[in-house]
Amino acid sequence: MNRVVARFVDGRLVKGTTVDFSPGKHAFHLTLQANSSGEESITVDAKNLKALFFVRDFGGNPQHQKPSAFDVSRRSVGRKIRVEFDDGEVMLGTTNGYRPGRGGFFVEPADPDSNNERCYVLEAATREVTLIQDASSQPLGTVAMSPGYA
């Protein structure tokens, strides 16, 4: 069972658990975070998502400041990536599966103290995706994304 936070392109945020999310599927089930009325499950249509965050816990740390650059003293696995979403949010991390036109890709946060363990980014919700060279942390290439939600 995965603890997730679903962020939608319209700004909504939903917390819960899922056992059937798969990047190749168009929808998945989300059991909403426990509340006083008991468990409730919803079906999430992936085309409405900005990203799906796999989290350590639902509370997180509101005072946590995410870094604006990679920590060069930390070894990273995968290709370094900078993702800018249509809403202006920026995420730094690493990826093993980014290819333009695929629909989405996983990112592991560059910040070791992040509450996010990994994130599935919907390509249609991005403004710009930049692959970064390892040695100098300079951009390797930028792929501008067209808006997918008109």
N, C-alpha and C. Protein backbone atom coordinates (compact mmCIF):
# COMPACT_ATOMS: atom_id res chain seq x y z
N MET A 1 0.86 -1.17 0.00
CA MET A 1 0.00 0.00 0.00
C MET A 1 0.91 1.24 0.00
N ASN A 2 0.65 2.16 -0.89
CA ASN A 2 1.45 3.38 -1.03
C ASN A 2 0.70 4.58 -0.48
N ARG A 3 1.37 5.36 0.39
CA ARG A 3 0.82 6.65 0.84
C ARG A 3 1.12 7.66 -0.25
N VAL A 4 0.07 8.34 -0.73
CA VAL A 4 0.25 9.29 -1.83
C VAL A 4 -0.50 10.59 -1.57
N VAL A 5 0.00 11.62 -2.23
CA VAL A 5 -0.69 12.90 -2.30
C VAL A 5 -0.90 13.18 -3.78
N ALA A 6 -2.15 13.24 -4.19
CA ALA A 6 -2.48 13.53 -5.58
C ALA A 6 -2.68 15.02 -5.73
N ARG A 7 -1.88 15.64 -6.60
CA ARG A 7 -2.02 17.07 -6.90
C ARG A 7 -2.62 17.17 -8.29
N PHE A 8 -3.73 17.86 -8.39
CA PHE A 8 -4.46 17.99 -9.64
C PHE A 8 -4.10 19.30 -10.34
N VAL A 9 -4.28 19.34 -11.66
CA VAL A 9 -3.95 20.55 -12.42
C VAL A 9 -4.82 21.73 -12.02
N ASP A 10 -5.99 21.47 -11.45
CA ASP A 10 -6.87 22.57 -11.02
C ASP A 10 -6.53 23.07 -9.62
N GLY A 11 -5.44 22.53 -9.01
CA GLY A 11 -5.00 22.99 -7.69
C GLY A 11 -5.46 22.13 -6.53
N ARG A 12 -6.41 21.24 -6.76
CA ARG A 12 -6.87 20.37 -5.66
C ARG A 12 -5.75 19.45 -5.21
N LEU A 13 -5.85 19.03 -3.95
CA LEU A 13 -4.89 18.11 -3.36
C LEU A 13 -5.68 17.07 -2.58
N VAL A 14 -5.38 15.80 -2.80
CA VAL A 14 -6.08 14.71 -2.11
C VAL A 14 -5.03 13.75 -1.56
N LYS A 15 -5.19 13.39 -0.27
CA LYS A 15 -4.26 12.47 0.39
C LYS A 15 -4.94 11.13 0.61
N GLY A 16 -4.16 10.05 0.42
CA GLY A 16 -4.72 8.73 0.65
C GLY A 16 -3.71 7.64 0.32
N THR A 17 -4.24 6.43 0.13
CA THR A 17 -3.39 5.30 -0.21
C THR A 17 -3.89 4.65 -1.50
N THR A 18 -2.96 4.01 -2.19
CA THR A 18 -3.33 3.31 -3.42
C THR A 18 -2.54 2.01 -3.52
N VAL A 19 -3.17 1.03 -4.13
CA VAL A 19 -2.49 -0.23 -4.38
C VAL A 19 -2.47 -0.55 -5.87
N ASP A 20 -3.14 0.28 -6.68
CA ASP A 20 -3.24 -0.07 -8.10
C ASP A 20 -2.76 1.03 -9.05
N PHE A 21 -1.95 1.98 -8.57
CA PHE A 21 -1.41 2.97 -9.50
C PHE A 21 -0.37 2.31 -10.39
N SER A 22 -0.46 2.61 -11.68
CA SER A 22 0.52 2.15 -12.66
C SER A 22 0.62 3.23 -13.73
N PRO A 23 1.84 3.61 -14.12
CA PRO A 23 1.99 4.65 -15.13
C PRO A 23 1.26 4.36 -16.44
N GLY A 24 1.08 3.11 -16.78
CA GLY A 24 0.42 2.75 -18.03
C GLY A 24 -1.10 2.78 -17.99
N LYS A 25 -1.66 2.93 -16.79
CA LYS A 25 -3.12 2.93 -16.66
C LYS A 25 -3.67 4.35 -16.67
N HIS A 26 -4.87 4.51 -17.16
CA HIS A 26 -5.49 5.83 -17.25
C HIS A 26 -6.18 6.25 -15.96
N ALA A 27 -6.40 5.29 -15.05
CA ALA A 27 -7.09 5.61 -13.79
C ALA A 27 -6.58 4.66 -12.71
N PHE A 28 -6.77 5.07 -11.46
CA PHE A 28 -6.42 4.23 -10.32
C PHE A 28 -7.34 4.60 -9.16
N HIS A 29 -7.34 3.75 -8.15
CA HIS A 29 -8.19 3.97 -6.98
C HIS A 29 -7.37 4.57 -5.85
N LEU A 30 -7.99 5.48 -5.13
CA LEU A 30 -7.35 6.16 -4.01
C LEU A 30 -8.28 6.05 -2.82
N THR A 31 -7.80 5.40 -1.75
CA THR A 31 -8.55 5.35 -0.51
C THR A 31 -8.15 6.59 0.27
N LEU A 32 -9.12 7.45 0.52
CA LEU A 32 -8.84 8.73 1.15
C LEU A 32 -8.29 8.55 2.55
N GLN A 33 -7.45 9.50 2.95
CA GLN A 33 -6.86 9.49 4.28
C GLN A 33 -7.98 9.35 5.31
N ALA A 34 -7.75 8.54 6.31
CA ALA A 34 -8.79 8.26 7.32
C ALA A 34 -9.38 9.54 7.89
N ASN A 35 -10.69 9.54 7.98
CA ASN A 35 -11.39 10.66 8.61
C ASN A 35 -12.47 10.10 9.53
N SER A 36 -13.22 10.94 10.13
CA SER A 36 -14.22 10.50 11.10
C SER A 36 -15.31 9.62 10.50
N SER A 37 -15.55 9.73 9.21
CA SER A 37 -16.62 8.95 8.59
C SER A 37 -16.15 7.59 8.07
N GLY A 38 -14.89 7.24 8.31
CA GLY A 38 -14.39 5.95 7.85
C GLY A 38 -13.72 6.06 6.50
N GLU A 39 -13.46 4.90 5.89
CA GLU A 39 -12.76 4.87 4.60
C GLU A 39 -13.68 5.21 3.45
N GLU A 40 -13.14 5.96 2.52
CA GLU A 40 -13.85 6.29 1.29
C GLU A 40 -12.85 6.15 0.15
N SER A 41 -13.28 5.53 -0.92
CA SER A 41 -12.40 5.32 -2.06
C SER A 41 -12.93 6.09 -3.26
N ILE A 42 -12.01 6.68 -4.02
CA ILE A 42 -12.39 7.40 -5.24
C ILE A 42 -11.57 6.86 -6.40
N THR A 43 -12.05 7.07 -7.61
CA THR A 43 -11.30 6.74 -8.81
C THR A 43 -10.68 8.03 -9.33
N VAL A 44 -9.38 8.00 -9.58
CA VAL A 44 -8.66 9.17 -10.06
C VAL A 44 -8.32 8.96 -11.53
N ASP A 45 -8.74 9.89 -12.37
CA ASP A 45 -8.40 9.88 -13.78
C ASP A 45 -7.06 10.59 -13.93
N ALA A 46 -6.04 9.87 -14.38
CA ALA A 46 -4.67 10.40 -14.44
C ALA A 46 -4.57 11.66 -15.30
N LYS A 47 -5.43 11.84 -16.28
CA LYS A 47 -5.31 13.03 -17.14
C LYS A 47 -5.61 14.32 -16.38
N ASN A 48 -6.21 14.22 -15.20
CA ASN A 48 -6.50 15.40 -14.38
C ASN A 48 -5.40 15.72 -13.38
N LEU A 49 -4.36 14.87 -13.33
CA LEU A 49 -3.30 15.05 -12.34
C LEU A 49 -2.18 15.96 -12.85
N LYS A 50 -1.59 16.65 -11.92
CA LYS A 50 -0.32 17.36 -12.13
C LYS A 50 0.80 16.37 -11.82
N ALA A 51 0.69 15.74 -10.64
CA ALA A 51 1.70 14.77 -10.20
C ALA A 51 1.12 13.94 -9.06
N LEU A 52 1.70 12.77 -8.87
CA LEU A 52 1.34 11.90 -7.76
C LEU A 52 2.58 11.73 -6.90
N PHE A 53 2.52 12.23 -5.66
CA PHE A 53 3.65 12.20 -4.74
C PHE A 53 3.53 11.01 -3.81
N PHE A 54 4.54 10.17 -3.78
CA PHE A 54 4.61 9.04 -2.86
C PHE A 54 5.34 9.56 -1.63
N VAL A 55 4.64 9.62 -0.49
CA VAL A 55 5.14 10.34 0.68
C VAL A 55 5.47 9.41 1.84
N ARG A 56 6.35 9.91 2.72
CA ARG A 56 6.71 9.16 3.94
C ARG A 56 5.56 9.20 4.94
N ASP A 57 4.96 10.39 5.09
CA ASP A 57 3.79 10.54 5.95
C ASP A 57 2.93 11.69 5.43
N PHE A 58 1.69 11.74 5.88
CA PHE A 58 0.76 12.74 5.37
C PHE A 58 0.98 14.13 5.97
N GLY A 59 1.60 14.20 7.14
CA GLY A 59 1.82 15.49 7.80
C GLY A 59 2.90 16.32 7.16
N GLY A 60 4.00 15.69 6.77
CA GLY A 60 5.12 16.42 6.21
C GLY A 60 5.71 17.40 7.21
N ASN A 61 6.47 18.36 6.73
CA ASN A 61 7.06 19.39 7.57
C ASN A 61 6.86 20.73 6.89
N PRO A 62 5.84 21.49 7.29
CA PRO A 62 5.55 22.77 6.63
C PRO A 62 6.70 23.78 6.69
N GLN A 63 7.61 23.64 7.66
CA GLN A 63 8.74 24.56 7.80
C GLN A 63 9.94 24.15 6.94
N HIS A 64 9.89 22.98 6.33
CA HIS A 64 11.01 22.50 5.53
C HIS A 64 11.24 23.39 4.31
N GLN A 65 12.47 23.79 4.11
CA GLN A 65 12.85 24.59 2.94
C GLN A 65 13.56 23.67 1.95
N LYS A 66 13.01 23.54 0.75
CA LYS A 66 13.69 22.69 -0.21
C LYS A 66 14.85 23.45 -0.86
N PRO A 67 15.95 22.74 -1.12
CA PRO A 67 17.12 23.39 -1.70
C PRO A 67 16.86 23.81 -3.15
N SER A 68 17.59 24.81 -3.60
CA SER A 68 17.43 25.30 -4.97
C SER A 68 18.49 24.74 -5.91
N ALA A 69 19.36 23.87 -5.38
CA ALA A 69 20.42 23.26 -6.19
C ALA A 69 20.71 21.86 -5.66
N PHE A 70 21.40 21.07 -6.47
CA PHE A 70 21.80 19.73 -6.05
C PHE A 70 22.95 19.84 -5.05
N ASP A 71 22.97 18.94 -4.09
CA ASP A 71 24.07 18.85 -3.13
C ASP A 71 25.19 18.05 -3.81
N VAL A 72 26.28 18.73 -4.18
CA VAL A 72 27.35 18.08 -4.92
C VAL A 72 28.10 17.03 -4.09
N SER A 73 27.95 17.07 -2.76
CA SER A 73 28.62 16.09 -1.92
C SER A 73 27.85 14.76 -1.87
N ARG A 74 26.60 14.75 -2.35
CA ARG A 74 25.78 13.53 -2.36
C ARG A 74 25.85 12.86 -3.71
N ARG A 75 26.07 11.57 -3.68
CA ARG A 75 26.06 10.80 -4.92
C ARG A 75 24.60 10.57 -5.31
N SER A 76 24.32 10.77 -6.59
CA SER A 76 22.95 10.55 -7.05
C SER A 76 22.92 9.43 -8.09
N VAL A 77 21.81 8.73 -8.11
CA VAL A 77 21.61 7.65 -9.06
C VAL A 77 20.59 8.12 -10.09
N GLY A 78 20.88 7.91 -11.36
CA GLY A 78 19.98 8.35 -12.41
C GLY A 78 20.43 9.67 -12.99
N ARG A 79 19.63 10.21 -13.89
CA ARG A 79 19.93 11.48 -14.55
C ARG A 79 19.32 12.62 -13.74
N LYS A 80 20.11 13.65 -13.53
CA LYS A 80 19.61 14.82 -12.81
C LYS A 80 18.62 15.55 -13.71
N ILE A 81 17.55 16.04 -13.07
CA ILE A 81 16.47 16.67 -13.83
C ILE A 81 15.89 17.84 -13.06
N ARG A 82 15.48 18.85 -13.78
CA ARG A 82 14.75 19.98 -13.22
C ARG A 82 13.41 20.04 -13.94
N VAL A 83 12.34 20.00 -13.16
CA VAL A 83 10.99 20.02 -13.72
C VAL A 83 10.30 21.30 -13.28
N GLU A 84 9.81 22.07 -14.24
CA GLU A 84 8.99 23.24 -13.92
C GLU A 84 7.58 22.93 -14.39
N PHE A 85 6.65 22.99 -13.44
CA PHE A 85 5.25 22.73 -13.74
C PHE A 85 4.59 23.98 -14.31
N ASP A 86 3.44 23.80 -14.93
CA ASP A 86 2.68 24.92 -15.49
C ASP A 86 2.33 25.96 -14.44
N ASP A 87 2.16 25.53 -13.18
CA ASP A 87 1.79 26.47 -12.12
C ASP A 87 3.00 27.17 -11.50
N GLY A 88 4.22 26.92 -12.03
CA GLY A 88 5.42 27.59 -11.56
C GLY A 88 6.23 26.81 -10.54
N GLU A 89 5.67 25.75 -9.97
CA GLU A 89 6.43 24.94 -9.01
C GLU A 89 7.62 24.30 -9.72
N VAL A 90 8.77 24.23 -9.04
CA VAL A 90 9.98 23.63 -9.59
C VAL A 90 10.40 22.47 -8.70
N MET A 91 10.79 21.38 -9.33
CA MET A 91 11.25 20.20 -8.62
C MET A 91 12.60 19.78 -9.18
N LEU A 92 13.55 19.51 -8.28
CA LEU A 92 14.86 18.97 -8.66
C LEU A 92 14.93 17.53 -8.20
N GLY A 93 15.53 16.69 -9.03
CA GLY A 93 15.66 15.30 -8.63
C GLY A 93 16.42 14.49 -9.66
N THR A 94 16.24 13.19 -9.56
CA THR A 94 16.86 12.29 -10.53
C THR A 94 15.78 11.41 -11.13
N THR A 95 16.05 10.94 -12.34
CA THR A 95 15.10 10.09 -13.04
C THR A 95 15.85 9.02 -13.81
N ASN A 96 15.21 7.89 -13.96
CA ASN A 96 15.75 6.83 -14.81
C ASN A 96 14.86 6.59 -16.02
N GLY A 97 13.72 7.28 -16.07
CA GLY A 97 12.76 6.95 -17.11
C GLY A 97 12.21 8.11 -17.90
N TYR A 98 12.88 9.26 -17.90
CA TYR A 98 12.32 10.38 -18.65
C TYR A 98 12.61 10.25 -20.14
N ARG A 99 11.56 10.30 -20.93
CA ARG A 99 11.66 10.40 -22.40
C ARG A 99 10.49 11.26 -22.83
N PRO A 100 10.75 12.34 -23.57
CA PRO A 100 9.66 13.20 -24.03
C PRO A 100 8.60 12.40 -24.80
N GLY A 101 7.35 12.77 -24.59
CA GLY A 101 6.25 12.15 -25.31
C GLY A 101 5.70 10.89 -24.70
N ARG A 102 6.22 10.47 -23.56
CA ARG A 102 5.76 9.23 -22.93
C ARG A 102 4.54 9.40 -22.06
N GLY A 103 4.22 10.62 -21.69
CA GLY A 103 3.05 10.85 -20.85
C GLY A 103 3.39 11.15 -19.41
N GLY A 104 4.42 10.52 -18.88
CA GLY A 104 4.82 10.77 -17.50
C GLY A 104 6.11 10.07 -17.17
N PHE A 105 6.65 10.40 -15.99
CA PHE A 105 7.93 9.82 -15.58
C PHE A 105 8.09 9.99 -14.06
N PHE A 106 8.89 9.11 -13.47
CA PHE A 106 9.18 9.18 -12.04
C PHE A 106 10.38 10.07 -11.78
N VAL A 107 10.32 10.80 -10.66
CA VAL A 107 11.43 11.62 -10.19
C VAL A 107 11.65 11.30 -8.71
N GLU A 108 12.91 11.09 -8.33
CA GLU A 108 13.26 10.98 -6.92
C GLU A 108 13.83 12.33 -6.51
N PRO A 109 13.33 12.92 -5.43
CA PRO A 109 13.77 14.27 -5.05
C PRO A 109 15.26 14.34 -4.76
N ALA A 110 15.86 15.47 -5.12
CA ALA A 110 17.28 15.70 -4.83
C ALA A 110 17.48 15.94 -3.33
N ASP A 111 16.44 16.39 -2.66
CA ASP A 111 16.50 16.73 -1.24
C ASP A 111 16.32 15.47 -0.40
N PRO A 112 17.37 15.02 0.33
CA PRO A 112 17.24 13.81 1.13
C PRO A 112 16.28 13.97 2.31
N ASP A 113 15.97 15.21 2.69
CA ASP A 113 15.07 15.46 3.81
C ASP A 113 13.62 15.69 3.37
N SER A 114 13.36 15.53 2.09
CA SER A 114 12.02 15.72 1.57
C SER A 114 11.07 14.66 2.13
N ASN A 115 9.83 15.02 2.31
CA ASN A 115 8.80 14.06 2.70
C ASN A 115 8.43 13.16 1.52
N ASN A 116 8.77 13.60 0.32
CA ASN A 116 8.48 12.82 -0.89
C ASN A 116 9.56 11.77 -1.11
N GLU A 117 9.12 10.52 -1.24
CA GLU A 117 10.07 9.45 -1.57
C GLU A 117 10.33 9.43 -3.06
N ARG A 118 9.29 9.65 -3.84
CA ARG A 118 9.37 9.76 -5.29
C ARG A 118 8.10 10.41 -5.77
N CYS A 119 8.09 10.77 -7.03
CA CYS A 119 6.95 11.48 -7.59
C CYS A 119 6.75 11.04 -9.03
N TYR A 120 5.50 10.81 -9.41
CA TYR A 120 5.19 10.54 -10.81
C TYR A 120 4.66 11.84 -11.40
N VAL A 121 5.40 12.38 -12.36
CA VAL A 121 5.08 13.66 -12.98
C VAL A 121 4.33 13.41 -14.28
N LEU A 122 3.20 14.09 -14.45
CA LEU A 122 2.46 14.02 -15.70
C LEU A 122 3.04 15.07 -16.65
N GLU A 123 3.59 14.61 -17.75
CA GLU A 123 4.28 15.49 -18.69
C GLU A 123 3.40 16.65 -19.16
N ALA A 124 2.12 16.41 -19.35
CA ALA A 124 1.21 17.45 -19.83
C ALA A 124 1.06 18.61 -18.84
N ALA A 125 1.43 18.40 -17.58
CA ALA A 125 1.32 19.44 -16.57
C ALA A 125 2.63 20.21 -16.38
N THR A 126 3.62 19.96 -17.26
CA THR A 126 4.91 20.63 -17.14
C THR A 126 5.05 21.74 -18.17
N ARG A 127 5.78 22.76 -17.77
CA ARG A 127 6.13 23.87 -18.67
C ARG A 127 7.48 23.59 -19.31
N GLU A 128 8.40 23.04 -18.49
CA GLU A 128 9.76 22.82 -18.98
C GLU A 128 10.41 21.69 -18.19
N VAL A 129 11.13 20.84 -18.91
CA VAL A 129 11.88 19.75 -18.30
C VAL A 129 13.32 19.89 -18.78
N THR A 130 14.27 19.95 -17.83
CA THR A 130 15.67 20.15 -18.17
C THR A 130 16.50 19.02 -17.59
N LEU A 131 17.24 18.33 -18.46
CA LEU A 131 18.19 17.32 -18.01
C LEU A 131 19.49 18.05 -17.71
N ILE A 132 20.14 17.68 -16.60
CA ILE A 132 21.32 18.39 -16.12
C ILE A 132 22.53 17.48 -16.17
N GLN A 133 23.64 18.01 -16.66
CA GLN A 133 24.89 17.23 -16.71
C GLN A 133 25.37 16.98 -15.30
N ASP A 134 25.93 15.81 -15.06
CA ASP A 134 26.42 15.46 -13.73
C ASP A 134 27.63 16.28 -13.30
N ALA A 135 28.62 16.39 -14.13
CA ALA A 135 29.89 16.99 -13.72
C ALA A 135 29.76 18.46 -13.33
N SER A 136 29.11 19.26 -14.15
CA SER A 136 29.09 20.70 -13.89
C SER A 136 27.74 21.22 -13.42
N SER A 137 26.74 20.35 -13.38
CA SER A 137 25.37 20.73 -13.03
C SER A 137 24.82 21.80 -13.96
N GLN A 138 25.31 21.83 -15.17
CA GLN A 138 24.79 22.75 -16.18
C GLN A 138 23.71 22.02 -16.98
N PRO A 139 22.74 22.77 -17.51
CA PRO A 139 21.69 22.12 -18.30
C PRO A 139 22.26 21.34 -19.48
N LEU A 140 21.73 20.16 -19.70
CA LEU A 140 22.11 19.33 -20.83
C LEU A 140 21.17 19.61 -21.99
N GLY A 141 19.92 19.80 -21.68
CA GLY A 141 18.94 20.09 -22.70
C GLY A 141 17.61 20.41 -22.07
N THR A 142 16.87 21.26 -22.71
CA THR A 142 15.57 21.65 -22.21
C THR A 142 14.52 21.22 -23.20
N VAL A 143 13.45 20.69 -22.67
CA VAL A 143 12.33 20.30 -23.50
C VAL A 143 11.13 21.10 -23.02
N ALA A 144 10.64 22.00 -23.84
CA ALA A 144 9.47 22.79 -23.47
C ALA A 144 8.24 21.97 -23.78
N MET A 145 7.33 21.91 -22.85
CA MET A 145 6.11 21.13 -23.01
C MET A 145 4.96 22.04 -23.36
N SER A 146 4.12 21.57 -24.24
CA SER A 146 2.92 22.33 -24.54
C SER A 146 1.87 22.01 -23.50
N PRO A 147 1.00 22.95 -23.20
CA PRO A 147 -0.04 22.68 -22.21
C PRO A 147 -0.92 21.52 -22.66
N GLY A 148 -1.17 20.61 -21.75
CA GLY A 148 -1.98 19.45 -22.08
C GLY A 148 -3.40 19.57 -21.58
N TYR A 149 -3.71 20.62 -20.85
CA TYR A 149 -5.03 20.76 -20.27
C TYR A 149 -5.59 22.12 -20.65
N ALA A 150 -6.25 22.16 -21.75
CA ALA A 150 -6.82 23.44 -22.21
C ALA A 150 -8.24 23.59 -21.72
